Amino acid sequence: LFYRWDVDLDLEKSQTLRPLIVSSPQVWIRRGDQWTYQLQAMGRGRTTYRLAVAPDAMELDDRGRLPWDVPADLAERKIRIVVVAVSENGKEENHAFDLLVLR
């Protein structure tokens, strides 16, 4: 059993840890809706994000917000998303998940 303050204390002691993603997206999406996911990571200093794998027209803003207008004609399937969290020390952590398209 550990608590958030234990993790925060350990992060303060280490300059070399990768960011730790502490958020998770809603994975069920509907065609024609707007889907949004706010990334959150714990780490020493500022964490930045970049999209490594994403569908067309999905963009990531500089605050770690991932909005997407889901196309109305999108086929029912899984859509793979990979976001890379980067610490200010250059350490990276991949955050991969699948979106499941509903009718």
C-alpha atoms as a PDB file:
ATOM      1  CA  LEU A   1       0.000   0.000   0.000  1.00  0.00           C
ATOM      2  CA  PHE A   2       1.402   3.383  -0.953  1.00  0.00           C
ATOM      3  CA  TYR A   3       0.007   6.870  -1.048  1.00  0.00           C
ATOM      4  CA  ARG A   4       0.345   9.711  -3.508  1.00  0.00           C
ATOM      5  CA  TRP A   5       2.610  11.649  -1.130  1.00  0.00           C
ATOM      6  CA  ASP A   6       4.991   8.651  -1.086  1.00  0.00           C
ATOM      7  CA  VAL A   7       5.204   8.791  -4.885  1.00  0.00           C
ATOM      8  CA  ASP A   8       5.626  12.585  -4.856  1.00  0.00           C
ATOM      9  CA  LEU A   9       8.464  12.302  -2.330  1.00  0.00           C
ATOM     10  CA  ASP A  10      10.246   9.660  -4.395  1.00  0.00           C
ATOM     11  CA  LEU A  11       9.851  11.787  -7.532  1.00  0.00           C
ATOM     12  CA  GLU A  12      11.480  14.729  -5.769  1.00  0.00           C
ATOM     13  CA  LYS A  13      14.498  12.560  -4.964  1.00  0.00           C
ATOM     14  CA  SER A  14      15.036  11.285  -8.495  1.00  0.00           C
ATOM     15  CA  GLN A  15      15.891  13.229 -11.627  1.00  0.00           C
ATOM     16  CA  THR A  16      15.772  10.216 -13.929  1.00  0.00           C
ATOM     17  CA  LEU A  17      12.275   8.796 -13.561  1.00  0.00           C
ATOM     18  CA  ARG A  18       9.942   8.599 -16.505  1.00  0.00           C
ATOM     19  CA  PRO A  19       6.590  10.350 -16.254  1.00  0.00           C
ATOM     20  CA  LEU A  20       3.854   8.210 -14.746  1.00  0.00           C
ATOM     21  CA  ILE A  21       0.493   8.482 -16.567  1.00  0.00           C
ATOM     22  CA  VAL A  22      -2.254   8.648 -13.943  1.00  0.00           C
ATOM     23  CA  SER A  23      -5.243   9.278 -16.229  1.00  0.00           C
ATOM     24  CA  SER A  24      -7.270   6.907 -18.365  1.00  0.00           C
ATOM     25  CA  PRO A  25      -9.564   7.694 -21.291  1.00  0.00           C
ATOM     26  CA  GLN A  26     -13.165   6.789 -21.923  1.00  0.00           C
ATOM     27  CA  VAL A  27     -12.688   4.154 -24.615  1.00  0.00           C
ATOM     28  CA  TRP A  28     -16.243   3.829 -25.962  1.00  0.00           C
ATOM     29  CA  ILE A  29     -16.977   6.436 -28.603  1.00  0.00           C
ATOM     30  CA  ARG A  30     -19.937   7.127 -30.872  1.00  0.00           C
ATOM     31  CA  ARG A  31     -19.787   8.208 -34.483  1.00  0.00           C
ATOM     32  CA  GLY A  32     -20.526  11.905 -34.940  1.00  0.00           C
ATOM     33  CA  ASP A  33     -19.771  12.822 -31.280  1.00  0.00           C
ATOM     34  CA  GLN A  34     -16.897  14.833 -29.903  1.00  0.00           C
ATOM     35  CA  TRP A  35     -14.525  12.805 -27.746  1.00  0.00           C
ATOM     36  CA  THR A  36     -12.069  14.484 -25.352  1.00  0.00           C
ATOM     37  CA  TYR A  37      -9.372  13.136 -23.089  1.00  0.00           C
ATOM     38  CA  GLN A  38      -7.264  15.170 -20.646  1.00  0.00           C
ATOM     39  CA  LEU A  39      -3.894  13.526 -20.053  1.00  0.00           C
ATOM     40  CA  GLN A  40      -2.408  13.702 -16.587  1.00  0.00           C
ATOM     41  CA  ALA A  41       1.028  12.525 -15.548  1.00  0.00           C
ATOM     42  CA  MET A  42       3.100  12.618 -12.405  1.00  0.00           C
ATOM     43  CA  GLY A  43       6.745  13.427 -12.751  1.00  0.00           C
ATOM     44  CA  ARG A  44       9.479  15.763 -11.736  1.00  0.00           C
ATOM     45  CA  GLY A  45       9.052  19.112 -13.440  1.00  0.00           C
ATOM     46  CA  ARG A  46       6.967  19.783 -16.517  1.00  0.00           C
ATOM     47  CA  THR A  47       5.622  16.936 -18.618  1.00  0.00           C
ATOM     48  CA  THR A  48       4.948  17.421 -22.329  1.00  0.00           C
ATOM     49  CA  TYR A  49       3.059  15.099 -24.659  1.00  0.00           C
ATOM     50  CA  ARG A  50       3.157  14.125 -28.320  1.00  0.00           C
ATOM     51  CA  LEU A  51       1.014  11.856 -30.474  1.00  0.00           C
ATOM     52  CA  ALA A  52       2.859   8.870 -31.879  1.00  0.00           C
ATOM     53  CA  VAL A  53      -0.147   7.009 -33.340  1.00  0.00           C
ATOM     54  CA  ALA A  54      -3.551   8.604 -33.967  1.00  0.00           C
ATOM     55  CA  PRO A  55      -6.328   8.816 -36.559  1.00  0.00           C
ATOM     56  CA  ASP A  56      -6.523  11.680 -39.034  1.00  0.00           C
ATOM     57  CA  ALA A  57      -7.715  15.015 -37.615  1.00  0.00           C
ATOM     58  CA  MET A  58      -6.886  14.086 -33.993  1.00  0.00           C
ATOM     59  CA  GLU A  59      -4.605  16.693 -32.448  1.00  0.00           C
ATOM     60  CA  LEU A  60      -3.016  17.114 -29.058  1.00  0.00           C
ATOM     61  CA  ASP A  61      -2.841  20.590 -27.557  1.00  0.00           C
ATOM     62  CA  ASP A  62       0.035  21.901 -25.431  1.00  0.00           C
ATOM     63  CA  ARG A  63      -1.919  21.326 -22.179  1.00  0.00           C
ATOM     64  CA  GLY A  64      -2.250  17.577 -22.788  1.00  0.00           C
ATOM     65  CA  ARG A  65      -5.853  17.762 -23.997  1.00  0.00           C
ATOM     66  CA  LEU A  66      -6.810  15.382 -26.780  1.00  0.00           C
ATOM     67  CA  PRO A  67     -10.072  16.412 -28.514  1.00  0.00           C
ATOM     68  CA  TRP A  68     -11.445  14.633 -31.561  1.00  0.00           C
ATOM     69  CA  ASP A  69     -14.575  15.104 -33.649  1.00  0.00           C
ATOM     70  CA  VAL A  70     -15.419  11.490 -34.401  1.00  0.00           C
ATOM     71  CA  PRO A  71     -16.401  11.181 -38.083  1.00  0.00           C
ATOM     72  CA  ALA A  72     -20.052  10.218 -38.585  1.00  0.00           C
ATOM     73  CA  ASP A  73     -19.112   7.678 -41.260  1.00  0.00           C
ATOM     74  CA  LEU A  74     -16.453   5.885 -39.197  1.00  0.00           C
ATOM     75  CA  ALA A  75     -16.687   2.084 -39.351  1.00  0.00           C
ATOM     76  CA  GLU A  76     -17.167   0.070 -36.166  1.00  0.00           C
ATOM     77  CA  ARG A  77     -13.667  -0.979 -35.128  1.00  0.00           C
ATOM     78  CA  LYS A  78     -10.837  -0.435 -32.700  1.00  0.00           C
ATOM     79  CA  ILE A  79      -8.717   2.663 -33.140  1.00  0.00           C
ATOM     80  CA  ARG A  80      -5.210   2.557 -31.654  1.00  0.00           C
ATOM     81  CA  ILE A  81      -3.874   5.698 -29.940  1.00  0.00           C
ATOM     82  CA  VAL A  82      -0.340   6.096 -28.607  1.00  0.00           C
ATOM     83  CA  VAL A  83       0.669   9.216 -26.688  1.00  0.00           C
ATOM     84  CA  VAL A  84       4.234   9.766 -25.495  1.00  0.00           C
ATOM     85  CA  ALA A  85       4.744  11.627 -22.205  1.00  0.00           C
ATOM     86  CA  VAL A  86       8.147  13.314 -21.956  1.00  0.00           C
ATOM     87  CA  SER A  87       9.689  14.602 -18.718  1.00  0.00           C
ATOM     88  CA  GLU A  88      11.752  17.774 -18.693  1.00  0.00           C
ATOM     89  CA  ASN A  89      14.789  15.466 -18.333  1.00  0.00           C
ATOM     90  CA  GLY A  90      13.960  13.769 -21.633  1.00  0.00           C
ATOM     91  CA  LYS A  91      12.645  10.497 -20.191  1.00  0.00           C
ATOM     92  CA  GLU A  92       9.686   9.085 -22.137  1.00  0.00           C
ATOM     93  CA  GLU A  93       6.736   6.877 -21.302  1.00  0.00           C
ATOM     94  CA  ASN A  94       4.273   5.518 -23.871  1.00  0.00           C
ATOM     95  CA  HIS A  95       0.562   5.579 -23.085  1.00  0.00           C
ATOM     96  CA  ALA A  96      -1.318   3.293 -25.517  1.00  0.00           C
ATOM     97  CA  PHE A  97      -5.025   2.507 -25.636  1.00  0.00           C
ATOM     98  CA  ASP A  98      -7.759   1.505 -28.085  1.00  0.00           C
ATOM     99  CA  LEU A  99     -10.950   3.442 -28.780  1.00  0.00           C
ATOM    100  CA  LEU A 100     -13.958   1.296 -29.579  1.00  0.00           C
ATOM    101  CA  VAL A 101     -16.381   2.773 -32.091  1.00  0.00           C
ATOM    102  CA  LEU A 102     -20.090   2.173 -31.437  1.00  0.00           C
ATOM    103  CA  ARG A 103     -23.040   2.721 -33.753  1.00  0.00           C
END
